[in-house]
Amino acid sequence: MLKFTEKAQADLTEIFVYLAEKNVDVATKTVNQLFEKFALLENNPKLGRERNELLLNLRGFPHKNYIIFYFPITDGIEIFRVLHASRNIDSVFDEFFEGLNE
């Protein structure tokens, strides 16, 4: 089973919209390729690298300029975030924890 957090859904929308401003075909192809990687990870949940320094049990898997962050779950994976590799990943996760404290 493939699940998505609200943030992951928003990430995918943002990726598509950003890329579509320049080229809709590239945007569609990129998002489709990400979904192909999601399916690969769903069937091979330990394929990604452990990222316990960010969150316990979190894994990360690169695809082109993006990093797919996900959790293996009993019956598949949950996509936690899909972030551009150029972003400051630590600060994105710091913001996540700050949001929990509010």
PDB file of N, CA and C in Angstrom:
ATOM      1  N   MET A   1       0.840  -1.175   0.000  1.00  0.00           N
ATOM      2  CA  MET A   1       0.000   0.000   0.000  1.00  0.00           C
ATOM      3  C   MET A   1       0.888   1.242   0.000  1.00  0.00           C
ATOM      4  N   LEU A   2       0.472   2.213  -0.744  1.00  0.00           N
ATOM      5  CA  LEU A   2       1.200   3.467  -0.875  1.00  0.00           C
ATOM      6  C   LEU A   2       0.364   4.574  -0.246  1.00  0.00           C
ATOM      7  N   LYS A   3       0.931   5.213   0.788  1.00  0.00           N
ATOM      8  CA  LYS A   3       0.244   6.308   1.473  1.00  0.00           C
ATOM      9  C   LYS A   3       1.079   7.577   1.343  1.00  0.00           C
ATOM     10  N   PHE A   4       0.418   8.714   1.484  1.00  0.00           N
ATOM     11  CA  PHE A   4       1.082  10.013   1.392  1.00  0.00           C
ATOM     12  C   PHE A   4       0.650  10.898   2.550  1.00  0.00           C
ATOM     13  N   THR A   5       1.603  11.614   3.141  1.00  0.00           N
ATOM     14  CA  THR A   5       1.237  12.647   4.099  1.00  0.00           C
ATOM     15  C   THR A   5       0.695  13.844   3.318  1.00  0.00           C
ATOM     16  N   GLU A   6       0.014  14.741   4.026  1.00  0.00           N
ATOM     17  CA  GLU A   6      -0.476  15.958   3.372  1.00  0.00           C
ATOM     18  C   GLU A   6       0.685  16.773   2.810  1.00  0.00           C
ATOM     19  N   LYS A   7       1.791  16.814   3.553  1.00  0.00           N
ATOM     20  CA  LYS A   7       2.970  17.563   3.090  1.00  0.00           C
ATOM     21  C   LYS A   7       3.519  16.954   1.804  1.00  0.00           C
ATOM     22  N   ALA A   8       3.551  15.637   1.721  1.00  0.00           N
ATOM     23  CA  ALA A   8       4.051  14.975   0.510  1.00  0.00           C
ATOM     24  C   ALA A   8       3.148  15.292  -0.680  1.00  0.00           C
ATOM     25  N   GLN A   9       1.844  15.282  -0.451  1.00  0.00           N
ATOM     26  CA  GLN A   9       0.911  15.631  -1.525  1.00  0.00           C
ATOM     27  C   GLN A   9       1.149  17.068  -1.985  1.00  0.00           C
ATOM     28  N   ALA A  10       1.365  17.963  -1.021  1.00  0.00           N
ATOM     29  CA  ALA A  10       1.639  19.365  -1.357  1.00  0.00           C
ATOM     30  C   ALA A  10       2.967  19.493  -2.103  1.00  0.00           C
ATOM     31  N   ASP A  11       3.971  18.712  -1.683  1.00  0.00           N
ATOM     32  CA  ASP A  11       5.265  18.731  -2.376  1.00  0.00           C
ATOM     33  C   ASP A  11       5.097  18.360  -3.843  1.00  0.00           C
ATOM     34  N   LEU A  12       4.346  17.308  -4.107  1.00  0.00           N
ATOM     35  CA  LEU A  12       4.151  16.855  -5.488  1.00  0.00           C
ATOM     36  C   LEU A  12       3.417  17.904  -6.321  1.00  0.00           C
ATOM     37  N   THR A  13       2.432  18.541  -5.718  1.00  0.00           N
ATOM     38  CA  THR A  13       1.715  19.611  -6.416  1.00  0.00           C
ATOM     39  C   THR A  13       2.660  20.761  -6.736  1.00  0.00           C
ATOM     40  N   GLU A  14       3.478  21.151  -5.753  1.00  0.00           N
ATOM     41  CA  GLU A  14       4.426  22.250  -5.958  1.00  0.00           C
ATOM     42  C   GLU A  14       5.445  21.909  -7.046  1.00  0.00           C
ATOM     43  N   ILE A  15       5.920  20.680  -7.052  1.00  0.00           N
ATOM     44  CA  ILE A  15       6.878  20.251  -8.078  1.00  0.00           C
ATOM     45  C   ILE A  15       6.245  20.377  -9.459  1.00  0.00           C
ATOM     46  N   PHE A  16       5.021  19.854  -9.584  1.00  0.00           N
ATOM     47  CA  PHE A  16       4.351  19.903 -10.882  1.00  0.00           C
ATOM     48  C   PHE A  16       4.124  21.343 -11.334  1.00  0.00           C
ATOM     49  N   VAL A  17       3.578  22.169 -10.454  1.00  0.00           N
ATOM     50  CA  VAL A  17       3.265  23.557 -10.813  1.00  0.00           C
ATOM     51  C   VAL A  17       4.532  24.314 -11.205  1.00  0.00           C
ATOM     52  N   TYR A  18       5.594  24.151 -10.430  1.00  0.00           N
ATOM     53  CA  TYR A  18       6.850  24.848 -10.722  1.00  0.00           C
ATOM     54  C   TYR A  18       7.387  24.448 -12.098  1.00  0.00           C
ATOM     55  N   LEU A  19       7.442  23.149 -12.353  1.00  0.00           N
ATOM     56  CA  LEU A  19       7.978  22.681 -13.633  1.00  0.00           C
ATOM     57  C   LEU A  19       7.051  23.014 -14.799  1.00  0.00           C
ATOM     58  N   ALA A  20       5.743  22.972 -14.556  1.00  0.00           N
ATOM     59  CA  ALA A  20       4.766  23.226 -15.620  1.00  0.00           C
ATOM     60  C   ALA A  20       4.798  24.674 -16.097  1.00  0.00           C
ATOM     61  N   GLU A  21       5.280  25.586 -15.245  1.00  0.00           N
ATOM     62  CA  GLU A  21       5.388  26.986 -15.669  1.00  0.00           C
ATOM     63  C   GLU A  21       6.313  27.119 -16.875  1.00  0.00           C
ATOM     64  N   LYS A  22       7.276  26.212 -16.973  1.00  0.00           N
ATOM     65  CA  LYS A  22       8.214  26.242 -18.098  1.00  0.00           C
ATOM     66  C   LYS A  22       7.877  25.201 -19.156  1.00  0.00           C
ATOM     67  N   ASN A  23       7.400  24.017 -18.711  1.00  0.00           N
ATOM     68  CA  ASN A  23       7.152  22.942 -19.670  1.00  0.00           C
ATOM     69  C   ASN A  23       6.251  21.881 -19.033  1.00  0.00           C
ATOM     70  N   VAL A  24       5.018  21.807 -19.488  1.00  0.00           N
ATOM     71  CA  VAL A  24       4.045  20.866 -18.925  1.00  0.00           C
ATOM     72  C   VAL A  24       4.484  19.422 -19.148  1.00  0.00           C
ATOM     73  N   ASP A  25       5.072  19.145 -20.299  1.00  0.00           N
ATOM     74  CA  ASP A  25       5.514  17.775 -20.576  1.00  0.00           C
ATOM     75  C   ASP A  25       6.594  17.330 -19.592  1.00  0.00           C
ATOM     76  N   VAL A  26       7.525  18.220 -19.287  1.00  0.00           N
ATOM     77  CA  VAL A  26       8.583  17.899 -18.319  1.00  0.00           C
ATOM     78  C   VAL A  26       7.968  17.685 -16.938  1.00  0.00           C
ATOM     79  N   ALA A  27       7.018  18.526 -16.569  1.00  0.00           N
ATOM     80  CA  ALA A  27       6.354  18.393 -15.273  1.00  0.00           C
ATOM     81  C   ALA A  27       5.648  17.045 -15.163  1.00  0.00           C
ATOM     82  N   THR A  28       4.910  16.686 -16.196  1.00  0.00           N
ATOM     83  CA  THR A  28       4.191  15.412 -16.203  1.00  0.00           C
ATOM     84  C   THR A  28       5.158  14.241 -16.141  1.00  0.00           C
ATOM     85  N   LYS A  29       6.206  14.295 -16.935  1.00  0.00           N
ATOM     86  CA  LYS A  29       7.197  13.219 -16.963  1.00  0.00           C
ATOM     87  C   LYS A  29       7.879  13.067 -15.602  1.00  0.00           C
ATOM     88  N   THR A  30       8.239  14.181 -14.982  1.00  0.00           N
ATOM     89  CA  THR A  30       8.922  14.137 -13.688  1.00  0.00           C
ATOM     90  C   THR A  30       8.034  13.516 -12.618  1.00  0.00           C
ATOM     91  N   VAL A  31       6.787  13.954 -12.543  1.00  0.00           N
ATOM     92  CA  VAL A  31       5.876  13.410 -11.531  1.00  0.00           C
ATOM     93  C   VAL A  31       5.597  11.935 -11.808  1.00  0.00           C
ATOM     94  N   ASN A  32       5.435  11.563 -13.066  1.00  0.00           N
ATOM     95  CA  ASN A  32       5.240  10.146 -13.403  1.00  0.00           C
ATOM     96  C   ASN A  32       6.446   9.308 -12.991  1.00  0.00           C
ATOM     97  N   GLN A  33       7.648   9.836 -13.210  1.00  0.00           N
ATOM     98  CA  GLN A  33       8.859   9.116 -12.805  1.00  0.00           C
ATOM     99  C   GLN A  33       8.934   8.978 -11.287  1.00  0.00           C
ATOM    100  N   LEU A  34       8.513  10.006 -10.570  1.00  0.00           N
ATOM    101  CA  LEU A  34       8.484   9.908  -9.109  1.00  0.00           C
ATOM    102  C   LEU A  34       7.537   8.791  -8.676  1.00  0.00           C
ATOM    103  N   PHE A  35       6.379   8.696  -9.319  1.00  0.00           N
ATOM    104  CA  PHE A  35       5.437   7.632  -8.970  1.00  0.00           C
ATOM    105  C   PHE A  35       6.000   6.250  -9.308  1.00  0.00           C
ATOM    106  N   GLU A  36       6.797   6.158 -10.347  1.00  0.00           N
ATOM    107  CA  GLU A  36       7.475   4.888 -10.645  1.00  0.00           C
ATOM    108  C   GLU A  36       8.436   4.528  -9.515  1.00  0.00           C
ATOM    109  N   LYS A  37       9.141   5.522  -8.984  1.00  0.00           N
ATOM    110  CA  LYS A  37      10.052   5.279  -7.852  1.00  0.00           C
ATOM    111  C   LYS A  37       9.263   4.909  -6.607  1.00  0.00           C
ATOM    112  N   PHE A  38       8.105   5.542  -6.398  1.00  0.00           N
ATOM    113  CA  PHE A  38       7.272   5.183  -5.244  1.00  0.00           C
ATOM    114  C   PHE A  38       6.891   3.704  -5.314  1.00  0.00           C
ATOM    115  N   ALA A  39       6.522   3.237  -6.502  1.00  0.00           N
ATOM    116  CA  ALA A  39       6.146   1.828  -6.677  1.00  0.00           C
ATOM    117  C   ALA A  39       7.337   0.916  -6.403  1.00  0.00           C
ATOM    118  N   LEU A  40       8.516   1.309  -6.874  1.00  0.00           N
ATOM    119  CA  LEU A  40       9.730   0.534  -6.613  1.00  0.00           C
ATOM    120  C   LEU A  40       9.983   0.444  -5.112  1.00  0.00           C
ATOM    121  N   LEU A  41       9.862   1.562  -4.426  1.00  0.00           N
ATOM    122  CA  LEU A  41      10.097   1.590  -2.980  1.00  0.00           C
ATOM    123  C   LEU A  41       9.021   0.826  -2.218  1.00  0.00           C
ATOM    124  N   GLU A  42       7.799   0.882  -2.706  1.00  0.00           N
ATOM    125  CA  GLU A  42       6.711   0.137  -2.073  1.00  0.00           C
ATOM    126  C   GLU A  42       7.030  -1.357  -2.072  1.00  0.00           C
ATOM    127  N   ASN A  43       7.603  -1.842  -3.158  1.00  0.00           N
ATOM    128  CA  ASN A  43       7.947  -3.261  -3.272  1.00  0.00           C
ATOM    129  C   ASN A  43       9.296  -3.604  -2.657  1.00  0.00           C
ATOM    130  N   ASN A  44      10.118  -2.592  -2.413  1.00  0.00           N
ATOM    131  CA  ASN A  44      11.461  -2.779  -1.834  1.00  0.00           C
ATOM    132  C   ASN A  44      11.696  -1.700  -0.777  1.00  0.00           C
ATOM    133  N   PRO A  45      10.958  -1.742   0.338  1.00  0.00           N
ATOM    134  CA  PRO A  45      10.981  -0.628   1.289  1.00  0.00           C
ATOM    135  C   PRO A  45      12.335  -0.350   1.939  1.00  0.00           C
ATOM    136  N   LYS A  46      13.243  -1.305   1.917  1.00  0.00           N
ATOM    137  CA  LYS A  46      14.556  -1.076   2.525  1.00  0.00           C
ATOM    138  C   LYS A  46      15.582  -0.564   1.517  1.00  0.00           C
ATOM    139  N   LEU A  47      15.144  -0.266   0.314  1.00  0.00           N
ATOM    140  CA  LEU A  47      16.037   0.201  -0.737  1.00  0.00           C
ATOM    141  C   LEU A  47      16.661   1.560  -0.405  1.00  0.00           C
ATOM    142  N   GLY A  48      15.892   2.427   0.208  1.00  0.00           N
ATOM    143  CA  GLY A  48      16.394   3.753   0.560  1.00  0.00           C
ATOM    144  C   GLY A  48      17.347   3.711   1.744  1.00  0.00           C
ATOM    145  N   ARG A  49      18.142   4.770   1.859  1.00  0.00           N
ATOM    146  CA  ARG A  49      19.117   4.883   2.944  1.00  0.00           C
ATOM    147  C   ARG A  49      18.408   5.329   4.222  1.00  0.00           C
ATOM    148  N   GLU A  50      18.793   4.734   5.344  1.00  0.00           N
ATOM    149  CA  GLU A  50      18.239   5.146   6.628  1.00  0.00           C
ATOM    150  C   GLU A  50      18.592   6.600   6.902  1.00  0.00           C
ATOM    151  N   ARG A  51      17.623   7.346   7.386  1.00  0.00           N
ATOM    152  CA  ARG A  51      17.836   8.761   7.732  1.00  0.00           C
ATOM    153  C   ARG A  51      17.368   9.015   9.167  1.00  0.00           C
ATOM    154  N   ASN A  52      17.796   8.136  10.071  1.00  0.00           N
ATOM    155  CA  ASN A  52      17.397   8.239  11.470  1.00  0.00           C
ATOM    156  C   ASN A  52      17.843   9.543  12.119  1.00  0.00           C
ATOM    157  N   GLU A  53      18.853  10.203  11.534  1.00  0.00           N
ATOM    158  CA  GLU A  53      19.296  11.480  12.099  1.00  0.00           C
ATOM    159  C   GLU A  53      18.232  12.566  11.916  1.00  0.00           C
ATOM    160  N   LEU A  54      17.296  12.332  10.995  1.00  0.00           N
ATOM    161  CA  LEU A  54      16.205  13.280  10.766  1.00  0.00           C
ATOM    162  C   LEU A  54      14.956  12.870  11.528  1.00  0.00           C
ATOM    163  N   LEU A  55      14.560  11.623  11.376  1.00  0.00           N
ATOM    164  CA  LEU A  55      13.412  11.044  12.079  1.00  0.00           C
ATOM    165  C   LEU A  55      13.624   9.542  12.175  1.00  0.00           C
ATOM    166  N   LEU A  56      13.253   8.969  13.301  1.00  0.00           N
ATOM    167  CA  LEU A  56      13.421   7.537  13.512  1.00  0.00           C
ATOM    168  C   LEU A  56      12.640   6.745  12.459  1.00  0.00           C
ATOM    169  N   ASN A  57      13.297   5.791  11.842  1.00  0.00           N
ATOM    170  CA  ASN A  57      12.739   4.892  10.816  1.00  0.00           C
ATOM    171  C   ASN A  57      12.533   5.543   9.446  1.00  0.00           C
ATOM    172  N   LEU A  58      12.908   6.801   9.310  1.00  0.00           N
ATOM    173  CA  LEU A  58      12.779   7.487   8.021  1.00  0.00           C
ATOM    174  C   LEU A  58      13.849   6.975   7.061  1.00  0.00           C
ATOM    175  N   ARG A  59      13.479   6.877   5.791  1.00  0.00           N
ATOM    176  CA  ARG A  59      14.430   6.506   4.748  1.00  0.00           C
ATOM    177  C   ARG A  59      14.380   7.552   3.653  1.00  0.00           C
ATOM    178  N   GLY A  60      15.488   7.674   2.929  1.00  0.00           N
ATOM    179  CA  GLY A  60      15.559   8.616   1.823  1.00  0.00           C
ATOM    180  C   GLY A  60      16.057   7.916   0.570  1.00  0.00           C
ATOM    181  N   PHE A  61      15.481   8.294  -0.557  1.00  0.00           N
ATOM    182  CA  PHE A  61      15.868   7.695  -1.828  1.00  0.00           C
ATOM    183  C   PHE A  61      15.931   8.806  -2.873  1.00  0.00           C
ATOM    184  N   PRO A  62      17.075   8.953  -3.545  1.00  0.00           N
ATOM    185  CA  PRO A  62      17.193  10.031  -4.529  1.00  0.00           C
ATOM    186  C   PRO A  62      16.559   9.665  -5.866  1.00  0.00           C
ATOM    187  N   HIS A  63      16.003  10.678  -6.500  1.00  0.00           N
ATOM    188  CA  HIS A  63      15.555  10.546  -7.887  1.00  0.00           C
ATOM    189  C   HIS A  63      15.841  11.873  -8.578  1.00  0.00           C
ATOM    190  N   LYS A  64      16.807  11.857  -9.465  1.00  0.00           N
ATOM    191  CA  LYS A  64      17.245  13.061 -10.178  1.00  0.00           C
ATOM    192  C   LYS A  64      17.546  14.160  -9.162  1.00  0.00           C
ATOM    193  N   ASN A  65      16.833  15.282  -9.228  1.00  0.00           N
ATOM    194  CA  ASN A  65      17.101  16.407  -8.332  1.00  0.00           C
ATOM    195  C   ASN A  65      16.286  16.365  -7.043  1.00  0.00           C
ATOM    196  N   TYR A  66      15.621  15.260  -6.780  1.00  0.00           N
ATOM    197  CA  TYR A  66      14.721  15.170  -5.635  1.00  0.00           C
ATOM    198  C   TYR A  66      15.147  14.050  -4.692  1.00  0.00           C
ATOM    199  N   ILE A  67      14.712  14.194  -3.449  1.00  0.00           N
ATOM    200  CA  ILE A  67      14.895  13.123  -2.469  1.00  0.00           C
ATOM    201  C   ILE A  67      13.512  12.744  -1.967  1.00  0.00           C
ATOM    202  N   ILE A  68      13.210  11.467  -2.071  1.00  0.00           N
ATOM    203  CA  ILE A  68      11.947  10.930  -1.576  1.00  0.00           C
ATOM    204  C   ILE A  68      12.198  10.468  -0.144  1.00  0.00           C
ATOM    205  N   PHE A  69      11.500  11.067   0.804  1.00  0.00           N
ATOM    206  CA  PHE A  69      11.594  10.647   2.200  1.00  0.00           C
ATOM    207  C   PHE A  69      10.346   9.837   2.521  1.00  0.00           C
ATOM    208  N   TYR A  70      10.550   8.671   3.109  1.00  0.00           N
ATOM    209  CA  TYR A  70       9.415   7.785   3.347  1.00  0.00           C
ATOM    210  C   TYR A  70       9.652   6.907   4.570  1.00  0.00           C
ATOM    211  N   PHE A  71       8.550   6.357   5.067  1.00  0.00           N
ATOM    212  CA  PHE A  71       8.594   5.390   6.154  1.00  0.00           C
ATOM    213  C   PHE A  71       8.111   4.043   5.638  1.00  0.00           C
ATOM    214  N   PRO A  72       8.860   2.968   5.894  1.00  0.00           N
ATOM    215  CA  PRO A  72       8.305   1.639   5.643  1.00  0.00           C
ATOM    216  C   PRO A  72       7.178   1.405   6.657  1.00  0.00           C
ATOM    217  N   ILE A  73       6.065   0.901   6.195  1.00  0.00           N
ATOM    218  CA  ILE A  73       4.958   0.544   7.076  1.00  0.00           C
ATOM    219  C   ILE A  73       4.620  -0.918   6.832  1.00  0.00           C
ATOM    220  N   THR A  74       3.766  -1.473   7.655  1.00  0.00           N
ATOM    221  CA  THR A  74       3.475  -2.905   7.608  1.00  0.00           C
ATOM    222  C   THR A  74       3.127  -3.403   6.216  1.00  0.00           C
ATOM    223  N   ASP A  75       2.290  -2.666   5.504  1.00  0.00           N
ATOM    224  CA  ASP A  75       1.807  -3.145   4.206  1.00  0.00           C
ATOM    225  C   ASP A  75       2.283  -2.283   3.038  1.00  0.00           C
ATOM    226  N   GLY A  76       3.438  -1.621   3.192  1.00  0.00           N
ATOM    227  CA  GLY A  76       3.955  -0.800   2.095  1.00  0.00           C
ATOM    228  C   GLY A  76       4.832   0.324   2.600  1.00  0.00           C
ATOM    229  N   ILE A  77       4.590   1.539   2.083  1.00  0.00           N
ATOM    230  CA  ILE A  77       5.352   2.711   2.525  1.00  0.00           C
ATOM    231  C   ILE A  77       4.429   3.922   2.628  1.00  0.00           C
ATOM    232  N   GLU A  78       4.863   4.868   3.451  1.00  0.00           N
ATOM    233  CA  GLU A  78       4.197   6.163   3.516  1.00  0.00           C
ATOM    234  C   GLU A  78       5.202   7.215   3.066  1.00  0.00           C
ATOM    235  N   ILE A  79       4.863   7.933   2.006  1.00  0.00           N
ATOM    236  CA  ILE A  79       5.717   9.007   1.519  1.00  0.00           C
ATOM    237  C   ILE A  79       5.536  10.188   2.469  1.00  0.00           C
ATOM    238  N   PHE A  80       6.641  10.606   3.090  1.00  0.00           N
ATOM    239  CA  PHE A  80       6.606  11.672   4.085  1.00  0.00           C
ATOM    240  C   PHE A  80       6.825  13.040   3.445  1.00  0.00           C
ATOM    241  N   ARG A  81       7.840  13.161   2.604  1.00  0.00           N
ATOM    242  CA  ARG A  81       8.135  14.400   1.881  1.00  0.00           C
ATOM    243  C   ARG A  81       8.838  14.047   0.572  1.00  0.00           C
ATOM    244  N   VAL A  82       8.736  14.937  -0.405  1.00  0.00           N
ATOM    245  CA  VAL A  82       9.499  14.853  -1.650  1.00  0.00           C
ATOM    246  C   VAL A  82      10.116  16.236  -1.836  1.00  0.00           C
ATOM    247  N   LEU A  83      11.437  16.324  -1.608  1.00  0.00           N
ATOM    248  CA  LEU A  83      12.102  17.622  -1.562  1.00  0.00           C
ATOM    249  C   LEU A  83      13.193  17.729  -2.615  1.00  0.00           C
ATOM    250  N   HIS A  84      13.383  18.935  -3.117  1.00  0.00           N
ATOM    251  CA  HIS A  84      14.481  19.180  -4.044  1.00  0.00           C
ATOM    252  C   HIS A  84      15.780  19.025  -3.275  1.00  0.00           C
ATOM    253  N   ALA A  85      16.740  18.368  -3.875  1.00  0.00           N
ATOM    254  CA  ALA A  85      18.006  18.064  -3.198  1.00  0.00           C
ATOM    255  C   ALA A  85      18.794  19.314  -2.826  1.00  0.00           C
ATOM    256  N   SER A  86      18.522  20.437  -3.479  1.00  0.00           N
ATOM    257  CA  SER A  86      19.261  21.663  -3.168  1.00  0.00           C
ATOM    258  C   SER A  86      18.754  22.349  -1.900  1.00  0.00           C
ATOM    259  N   ARG A  87      17.612  21.906  -1.399  1.00  0.00           N
ATOM    260  CA  ARG A  87      17.067  22.530  -0.190  1.00  0.00           C
ATOM    261  C   ARG A  87      17.893  22.145   1.025  1.00  0.00           C
ATOM    262  N   ASN A  88      17.840  22.983   2.033  1.00  0.00           N
ATOM    263  CA  ASN A  88      18.496  22.676   3.297  1.00  0.00           C
ATOM    264  C   ASN A  88      17.591  21.695   4.044  1.00  0.00           C
ATOM    265  N   ILE A  89      17.890  20.417   3.907  1.00  0.00           N
ATOM    266  CA  ILE A  89      17.032  19.357   4.444  1.00  0.00           C
ATOM    267  C   ILE A  89      16.900  19.481   5.959  1.00  0.00           C
ATOM    268  N   ASP A  90      18.015  19.756   6.644  1.00  0.00           N
ATOM    269  CA  ASP A  90      17.962  19.889   8.105  1.00  0.00           C
ATOM    270  C   ASP A  90      16.976  20.974   8.520  1.00  0.00           C
ATOM    271  N   SER A  91      16.982  22.102   7.824  1.00  0.00           N
ATOM    272  CA  SER A  91      16.085  23.187   8.213  1.00  0.00           C
ATOM    273  C   SER A  91      14.624  22.835   7.921  1.00  0.00           C
ATOM    274  N   VAL A  92      14.365  22.066   6.866  1.00  0.00           N
ATOM    275  CA  VAL A  92      12.995  21.622   6.575  1.00  0.00           C
ATOM    276  C   VAL A  92      12.486  20.759   7.723  1.00  0.00           C
ATOM    277  N   PHE A  93      13.331  19.872   8.216  1.00  0.00           N
ATOM    278  CA  PHE A  93      12.912  19.009   9.311  1.00  0.00           C
ATOM    279  C   PHE A  93      12.856  19.772  10.633  1.00  0.00           C
ATOM    280  N   ASP A  94      13.706  20.776  10.809  1.00  0.00           N
ATOM    281  CA  ASP A  94      13.608  21.640  11.996  1.00  0.00           C
ATOM    282  C   ASP A  94      12.255  22.346  12.015  1.00  0.00           C
ATOM    283  N   GLU A  95      11.813  22.831  10.858  1.00  0.00           N
ATOM    284  CA  GLU A  95      10.499  23.484  10.756  1.00  0.00           C
ATOM    285  C   GLU A  95       9.386  22.506  11.112  1.00  0.00           C
ATOM    286  N   PHE A  96       9.537  21.248  10.716  1.00  0.00           N
ATOM    287  CA  PHE A  96       8.547  20.224  11.048  1.00  0.00           C
ATOM    288  C   PHE A  96       8.420  20.096  12.561  1.00  0.00           C
ATOM    289  N   PHE A  97       9.558  20.013  13.257  1.00  0.00           N
ATOM    290  CA  PHE A  97       9.532  19.864  14.709  1.00  0.00           C
ATOM    291  C   PHE A  97       9.008  21.120  15.394  1.00  0.00           C
ATOM    292  N   GLU A  98       9.333  22.290  14.864  1.00  0.00           N
ATOM    293  CA  GLU A  98       8.812  23.535  15.429  1.00  0.00           C
ATOM    294  C   GLU A  98       7.294  23.570  15.317  1.00  0.00           C
ATOM    295  N   GLY A  99       6.763  23.077  14.206  1.00  0.00           N
ATOM    296  CA  GLY A  99       5.317  23.028  14.015  1.00  0.00           C
ATOM    297  C   GLY A  99       4.624  22.112  15.007  1.00  0.00           C
ATOM    298  N   LEU A 100       5.310  21.069  15.446  1.00  0.00           N
ATOM    299  CA  LEU A 100       4.739  20.154  16.434  1.00  0.00           C
ATOM    300  C   LEU A 100       4.632  20.807  17.802  1.00  0.00           C
ATOM    301  N   ASN A 101       5.523  21.746  18.086  1.00  0.00           N
ATOM    302  CA  ASN A 101       5.553  22.391  19.398  1.00  0.00           C
ATOM    303  C   ASN A 101       4.563  23.537  19.527  1.00  0.00           C
ATOM    304  N   GLU A 102       3.931  23.913  18.437  1.00  0.00           N
ATOM    305  CA  GLU A 102       3.000  25.051  18.489  1.00  0.00           C
ATOM    306  C   GLU A 102       1.637  24.624  18.957  1.00  0.00           C
TER     307      GLU A 102
END
